[in-house]
Amino acid sequence: MNGNRITRLLTHLSALILFCAAFAAHAQRSSLQIVVPWAPGGSADVIGRMLGDQITKQTGRPVIIVNQPGAGGGLGAENVTRAKPDGNTLLCTTPAVTIVQTLRKTPTMDIRRDLIPVTLAVESSMGLYVHPSLPVHNIREFIAYAKSNPGKLNYTSSGMGSSAHLYTELLKQSTGIDLVHIPYSGGTAYAMSVAQNTAQLVIADSLGSPRALAASGRLRLIAVGSAARSPAFPDVPTVAESGVPGYEIAYWIGFFSPPGSERGIVDKHHSDLVSALKTSAVRDKLVSQGYAVVGNSPADFKTFIGKEVAKWEKLVQDANITKE
């Protein structure tokens, strides 16, 4: 082989190496889409953007938030089940994803089968709020008052089959109280209806609009639904410690990968998300807003999701809630 041929061969080889390096760099920089099945501004949207920004800072990889509201959070989740398992798509969602499938006669997806859990990022307490005119200051007094006035108290939610609806049905089933449901079509009107005394109880995210209404004295927080007291409200007892053992509900935000995603892809997503959660900037901000940072393993999150779905399936059956 003469010198010219060797030179040409080395030139081609160098070009090939540069091309492969450029391709690898492009793949590394390919954007990650985080699908949020809710409109912009909600808690999942805020958390998704917060962690997405941190992932970009850590890895240099662009992160795009894609809002796909509809069907009670089901639309965006179903779209992710059809996404390519190439590591470029994640779902960021709430407990609604475990509830919506239990309310359908013919579910179009099963989260336990059709999505791959990556991590439960954060949790926050669900608060039990009443109108201040109600002569109760804790859950024991509320239960006693409701039992003395069966069918005379209203509770509200953001719609049939919403988290607040099922959380309250679980309370009714656990305590034997009789409450009348007044559903609203999403938004914040359902919490405002308690402030206006149209309804007397709402179970809602303690970090949302009810918290502001409670701070202004228009609502009264009498309990939280989580297993442990909320760091945001350390003096407010849980429902379970107040005489309703086993009652445990929490608002959470978790991440899922499309079906078929390889273990290495899931592990990489998990590592990036947990690393973002552990940064002091992110953690401090989340804690200051009342969130408990979790960041558990894919296996633990899978177990958690299975228990969540089973809980709501049993409730829908026992409470004879009509499926759509």
Protein backbone atom coordinates (compact mmCIF):
# COMPACT_ATOMS: atom_id res chain seq x y z
CA MET A 1 0.00 0.00 0.00
CA ASN A 2 1.56 3.28 -1.11
CA GLY A 3 1.73 6.44 0.95
CA ASN A 4 -1.10 8.19 -0.91
CA ARG A 5 -3.51 5.32 -0.31
CA ILE A 6 -2.58 5.25 3.36
CA THR A 7 -3.11 9.00 3.60
CA ARG A 8 -6.54 8.74 1.95
CA LEU A 9 -7.50 5.85 4.23
CA LEU A 10 -6.49 7.78 7.32
CA THR A 11 -8.41 10.79 6.06
CA HIS A 12 -11.59 8.73 5.57
CA LEU A 13 -11.11 7.09 8.96
CA SER A 14 -10.72 10.47 10.64
CA ALA A 15 -13.85 11.72 8.92
CA LEU A 16 -15.75 8.64 10.10
CA ILE A 17 -14.57 9.16 13.67
CA LEU A 18 -15.61 12.81 13.57
CA PHE A 19 -19.02 11.85 12.16
CA CYS A 20 -19.59 9.27 14.90
CA ALA A 21 -18.54 11.78 17.55
CA ALA A 22 -20.86 14.39 16.09
CA PHE A 23 -23.72 11.89 15.96
CA ALA A 24 -23.13 10.87 19.57
CA ALA A 25 -23.04 14.50 20.63
CA HIS A 26 -26.27 15.18 18.76
CA ALA A 27 -27.93 12.18 20.43
CA GLN A 28 -26.75 13.43 23.81
CA ARG A 29 -28.23 16.86 23.07
CA SER A 30 -31.54 15.52 21.68
CA SER A 31 -34.34 17.10 23.63
CA LEU A 32 -36.24 15.28 26.34
CA GLN A 33 -40.00 15.82 26.20
CA ILE A 34 -41.78 15.75 29.52
CA VAL A 35 -45.49 15.30 28.88
CA VAL A 36 -47.73 16.92 31.50
CA PRO A 37 -51.39 15.84 31.05
CA TRP A 38 -52.66 19.11 32.52
CA ALA A 39 -52.80 22.75 31.51
CA PRO A 40 -49.83 25.03 32.26
CA GLY A 41 -49.60 26.41 35.78
CA GLY A 42 -50.70 23.33 37.73
CA SER A 43 -48.51 21.55 40.26
CA ALA A 44 -47.35 18.82 37.86
CA ASP A 45 -46.47 21.48 35.30
CA VAL A 46 -44.50 23.50 37.86
CA ILE A 47 -42.62 20.45 39.17
CA GLY A 48 -41.95 19.16 35.66
CA ARG A 49 -40.47 22.50 34.62
CA MET A 50 -38.42 22.80 37.80
CA LEU A 51 -36.83 19.39 37.38
CA GLY A 52 -36.50 19.80 33.63
CA ASP A 53 -34.52 23.02 34.08
CA GLN A 54 -32.25 21.32 36.60
CA ILE A 55 -31.67 18.33 34.31
CA THR A 56 -30.64 20.71 31.54
CA LYS A 57 -28.19 22.42 33.91
CA GLN A 58 -26.74 19.07 34.97
CA THR A 59 -26.54 17.31 31.61
CA GLY A 60 -26.76 20.02 28.97
CA ARG A 61 -29.71 18.22 27.47
CA PRO A 62 -32.65 20.44 26.42
CA VAL A 63 -35.94 19.60 28.16
CA ILE A 64 -39.28 20.58 26.65
CA ILE A 65 -42.52 20.54 28.64
CA VAL A 66 -45.48 19.41 26.52
CA ASN A 67 -48.90 20.12 28.06
CA GLN A 68 -51.60 17.70 26.87
CA PRO A 69 -54.71 18.20 29.05
CA GLY A 70 -57.86 16.17 28.62
CA ALA A 71 -59.81 13.17 29.91
CA GLY A 72 -58.89 13.82 33.54
CA GLY A 73 -55.20 13.40 32.82
CA GLY A 74 -55.80 10.31 30.70
CA LEU A 75 -55.11 11.86 27.30
CA GLY A 76 -51.50 12.78 27.93
CA ALA A 77 -50.84 9.47 29.66
CA GLU A 78 -52.25 7.49 26.74
CA ASN A 79 -50.14 9.49 24.30
CA VAL A 80 -47.02 8.52 26.23
CA THR A 81 -48.00 4.84 25.99
CA ARG A 82 -47.68 5.26 22.21
CA ALA A 83 -44.38 7.17 22.30
CA LYS A 84 -41.15 5.61 21.05
CA PRO A 85 -39.19 4.01 23.91
CA ASP A 86 -36.05 5.84 22.83
CA GLY A 87 -35.39 7.77 26.03
CA ASN A 88 -36.77 11.03 24.67
CA THR A 89 -40.18 11.03 26.41
CA LEU A 90 -41.34 11.05 30.03
CA LEU A 91 -44.77 11.44 31.63
CA CYS A 92 -45.09 13.71 34.68
CA THR A 93 -48.43 13.14 36.35
CA THR A 94 -50.51 12.98 39.54
CA PRO A 95 -52.76 10.45 41.38
CA ALA A 96 -55.38 11.03 38.69
CA VAL A 97 -53.53 8.57 36.47
CA THR A 98 -54.36 5.75 38.91
CA ILE A 99 -57.96 6.89 39.36
CA VAL A 100 -59.15 7.54 35.81
CA GLN A 101 -58.74 3.92 34.69
CA THR A 102 -60.85 2.63 37.60
CA LEU A 103 -63.79 4.79 36.47
CA ARG A 104 -64.01 3.52 32.91
CA LYS A 105 -66.14 0.56 31.86
CA THR A 106 -63.59 -0.29 29.18
CA PRO A 107 -60.26 1.29 30.13
CA THR A 108 -58.06 2.18 27.19
CA MET A 109 -54.92 1.74 29.27
CA ASP A 110 -53.70 0.18 32.50
CA ILE A 111 -50.90 2.14 34.10
CA ARG A 112 -49.57 -1.02 35.74
CA ARG A 113 -49.02 -2.57 32.33
CA ASP A 114 -48.74 0.26 29.84
CA LEU A 115 -46.25 2.63 31.48
CA ILE A 116 -42.93 2.04 33.20
CA PRO A 117 -42.55 3.72 36.63
CA VAL A 118 -39.39 5.78 36.99
CA THR A 119 -39.76 7.56 40.32
CA LEU A 120 -42.23 9.13 42.70
CA ALA A 121 -40.72 12.60 42.88
CA VAL A 122 -42.67 14.42 45.59
CA GLU A 123 -45.67 14.12 47.87
CA SER A 124 -47.80 16.68 49.64
CA SER A 125 -50.64 16.37 52.11
CA MET A 126 -54.27 16.52 51.14
CA GLY A 127 -56.10 18.86 53.49
CA LEU A 128 -59.62 18.50 54.86
CA TYR A 129 -61.12 21.98 54.83
CA VAL A 130 -64.48 23.07 56.23
CA HIS A 131 -66.40 26.33 56.27
CA PRO A 132 -65.52 28.33 59.43
CA SER A 133 -69.18 28.53 60.46
CA LEU A 134 -69.23 24.77 61.03
CA PRO A 135 -68.89 24.10 64.78
CA VAL A 136 -65.98 21.68 64.34
CA HIS A 137 -62.23 22.11 64.73
CA ASN A 138 -60.94 18.60 64.10
CA ILE A 139 -61.94 15.47 62.22
CA ARG A 140 -63.46 13.78 65.30
CA GLU A 141 -65.83 16.69 65.78
CA PHE A 142 -66.64 16.75 62.06
CA ILE A 143 -67.53 13.05 62.02
CA ALA A 144 -69.72 13.42 65.10
CA TYR A 145 -71.45 16.48 63.63
CA ALA A 146 -72.02 14.74 60.29
CA LYS A 147 -73.51 11.70 62.02
CA SER A 148 -75.87 14.00 63.93
CA ASN A 149 -76.88 15.66 60.65
CA PRO A 150 -77.04 12.86 58.06
CA GLY A 151 -77.46 14.07 54.50
CA LYS A 152 -77.43 17.73 55.54
CA LEU A 153 -73.79 18.49 54.79
CA ASN A 154 -72.41 18.95 51.29
CA TYR A 155 -68.95 18.20 50.03
CA THR A 156 -67.47 19.43 46.80
CA SER A 157 -64.93 18.32 44.21
CA SER A 158 -63.56 19.27 40.83
CA GLY A 159 -65.83 16.73 39.14
CA MET A 160 -67.21 13.20 39.18
CA GLY A 161 -64.32 10.79 39.44
CA SER A 162 -61.84 13.48 40.49
CA SER A 163 -59.34 12.91 43.26
CA ALA A 164 -61.35 15.02 45.71
CA HIS A 165 -64.49 13.01 44.89
CA LEU A 166 -62.88 9.65 45.61
CA TYR A 167 -60.96 10.91 48.63
CA THR A 168 -64.24 12.01 50.22
CA GLU A 169 -66.02 8.80 49.27
CA LEU A 170 -63.20 6.95 51.03
CA LEU A 171 -63.78 9.09 54.13
CA LYS A 172 -67.52 8.36 53.99
CA GLN A 173 -66.87 4.64 53.63
CA SER A 174 -64.31 4.66 56.45
CA THR A 175 -66.52 6.52 58.93
CA GLY A 176 -70.12 5.80 57.94
CA ILE A 177 -71.05 9.47 57.51
CA ASP A 178 -73.60 10.66 54.94
CA LEU A 179 -72.56 13.63 52.79
CA VAL A 180 -74.03 15.04 49.57
CA HIS A 181 -71.70 15.52 46.60
CA ILE A 182 -71.67 18.81 44.65
CA PRO A 183 -69.29 18.38 41.70
CA TYR A 184 -67.80 21.21 39.67
CA SER A 185 -66.15 21.10 36.26
CA GLY A 186 -62.56 21.59 37.35
CA GLY A 187 -60.87 24.88 38.14
CA THR A 188 -60.89 26.39 41.63
CA ALA A 189 -64.65 26.97 41.91
CA TYR A 190 -65.09 23.84 43.98
CA ALA A 191 -62.87 25.15 46.79
CA MET A 192 -64.49 28.57 46.57
CA SER A 193 -67.90 26.96 47.04
CA VAL A 194 -66.86 25.94 50.55
CA ALA A 195 -65.61 29.44 51.27
CA GLN A 196 -69.08 30.61 50.20
CA ASN A 197 -70.74 27.89 52.35
CA THR A 198 -72.47 26.27 49.38
CA ALA A 199 -70.64 23.15 50.49
CA GLN A 200 -69.16 22.52 53.92
CA LEU A 201 -66.21 20.21 53.17
CA VAL A 202 -63.53 19.86 50.53
CA ILE A 203 -60.54 17.53 50.47
CA ALA A 204 -57.91 19.23 48.38
CA ASP A 205 -54.21 19.70 47.84
CA SER A 206 -52.99 21.68 50.84
CA LEU A 207 -50.65 23.62 48.57
CA GLY A 208 -53.33 24.95 46.23
CA SER A 209 -55.99 27.65 46.45
CA PRO A 210 -57.54 26.23 49.67
CA ARG A 211 -54.32 27.08 51.52
CA ALA A 212 -54.70 30.74 50.58
CA LEU A 213 -58.39 30.70 51.50
CA ALA A 214 -57.53 29.14 54.87
CA ALA A 215 -54.84 31.74 55.49
CA SER A 216 -57.43 34.48 54.96
CA GLY A 217 -59.88 32.80 57.35
CA ARG A 218 -62.38 31.74 54.70
CA LEU A 219 -61.68 28.03 55.19
CA ARG A 220 -60.63 26.01 58.23
CA LEU A 221 -58.10 23.18 57.93
CA ILE A 222 -59.10 20.40 60.34
CA ALA A 223 -56.89 17.49 59.25
CA VAL A 224 -54.45 16.20 56.66
CA GLY A 225 -54.84 12.90 54.87
CA SER A 226 -51.23 11.76 54.67
CA ALA A 227 -49.71 9.01 56.81
CA ALA A 228 -47.56 11.55 58.67
CA ARG A 229 -48.18 15.17 59.52
CA SER A 230 -47.37 17.69 56.84
CA PRO A 231 -44.18 19.72 57.31
CA ALA A 232 -46.22 22.66 56.04
CA PHE A 233 -48.78 22.18 58.84
CA PRO A 234 -46.99 20.40 61.70
CA ASP A 235 -49.72 21.25 64.23
CA VAL A 236 -52.54 19.76 62.14
CA PRO A 237 -53.22 16.08 62.94
CA THR A 238 -53.71 13.37 60.35
CA VAL A 239 -57.07 11.71 59.80
CA ALA A 240 -55.60 8.37 60.86
CA GLU A 241 -54.28 9.61 64.20
CA SER A 242 -57.63 11.30 64.82
CA GLY A 243 -59.59 8.07 64.96
CA VAL A 244 -59.85 6.80 61.37
CA PRO A 245 -57.10 4.16 61.17
CA GLY A 246 -56.03 3.17 57.68
CA TYR A 247 -57.22 6.38 56.04
CA GLU A 248 -54.23 7.53 54.02
CA ILE A 249 -54.26 9.78 50.98
CA ALA A 250 -51.57 12.01 49.56
CA TYR A 251 -51.09 14.16 46.52
CA TRP A 252 -48.05 13.02 44.59
CA ILE A 253 -46.21 13.72 41.37
CA GLY A 254 -44.36 10.95 39.60
CA PHE A 255 -42.59 10.15 36.34
CA PHE A 256 -43.15 7.31 33.88
CA SER A 257 -41.38 6.10 30.76
CA PRO A 258 -43.12 4.68 27.65
CA PRO A 259 -43.63 0.90 27.46
CA GLY A 260 -40.72 -0.99 25.97
CA SER A 261 -38.11 1.35 27.42
CA GLU A 262 -34.91 -0.54 28.12
CA ARG A 263 -33.63 -0.83 31.67
CA GLY A 264 -30.67 1.41 30.88
CA ILE A 265 -32.98 4.19 29.69
CA VAL A 266 -35.17 3.96 32.79
CA ASP A 267 -32.12 3.95 35.04
CA LYS A 268 -30.73 7.03 33.28
CA HIS A 269 -34.02 8.91 33.70
CA HIS A 270 -34.14 7.87 37.34
CA SER A 271 -30.58 9.01 37.95
CA ASP A 272 -31.18 12.40 36.31
CA LEU A 273 -34.42 13.04 38.17
CA VAL A 274 -33.11 11.98 41.58
CA SER A 275 -29.94 14.01 41.07
CA ALA A 276 -32.11 17.03 40.27
CA LEU A 277 -34.25 16.41 43.37
CA LYS A 278 -31.16 16.22 45.57
CA THR A 279 -29.74 19.58 44.56
CA SER A 280 -30.10 22.09 47.36
CA ALA A 281 -31.75 24.67 45.10
CA VAL A 282 -34.53 22.29 44.05
CA ARG A 283 -34.94 20.52 47.39
CA ASP A 284 -35.07 23.74 49.41
CA LYS A 285 -37.64 25.24 47.08
CA LEU A 286 -39.84 22.12 47.20
CA VAL A 287 -39.66 21.86 50.99
CA SER A 288 -40.46 25.56 51.39
CA GLN A 289 -43.60 24.95 49.34
CA GLY A 290 -44.67 22.07 51.59
CA TYR A 291 -43.58 19.13 49.46
CA ALA A 292 -41.84 16.05 50.81
CA VAL A 293 -39.07 14.98 48.42
CA VAL A 294 -39.17 11.23 47.71
CA GLY A 295 -37.23 10.08 44.62
CA ASN A 296 -37.77 6.36 45.23
CA SER A 297 -36.63 3.48 43.00
CA PRO A 298 -38.56 2.28 39.93
CA ALA A 299 -39.35 -0.96 41.77
CA ASP A 300 -40.71 0.84 44.84
CA PHE A 301 -42.73 3.22 42.67
CA LYS A 302 -44.21 0.24 40.81
CA THR A 303 -45.32 -1.31 44.10
CA PHE A 304 -46.81 2.01 45.18
CA ILE A 305 -48.76 2.37 41.93
CA GLY A 306 -50.16 -1.14 42.26
CA LYS A 307 -51.47 -0.38 45.74
CA GLU A 308 -52.97 2.94 44.57
CA VAL A 309 -54.91 1.35 41.71
CA ALA A 310 -56.13 -1.51 43.92
CA LYS A 311 -57.34 0.97 46.56
CA TRP A 312 -59.38 2.99 44.07
CA GLU A 313 -60.75 -0.09 42.31
CA LYS A 314 -62.06 -1.39 45.63
CA LEU A 315 -63.55 1.98 46.55
CA VAL A 316 -65.34 2.38 43.20
CA GLN A 317 -66.83 -1.09 43.62
CA ASP A 318 -67.79 -0.76 47.28
CA ALA A 319 -69.26 2.74 46.86
CA ASN A 320 -71.16 1.75 43.70
CA ILE A 321 -69.67 4.66 41.80
CA THR A 322 -70.96 4.62 38.23
CA LYS A 323 -68.32 3.94 35.61
CA GLU A 324 -68.39 5.85 32.35
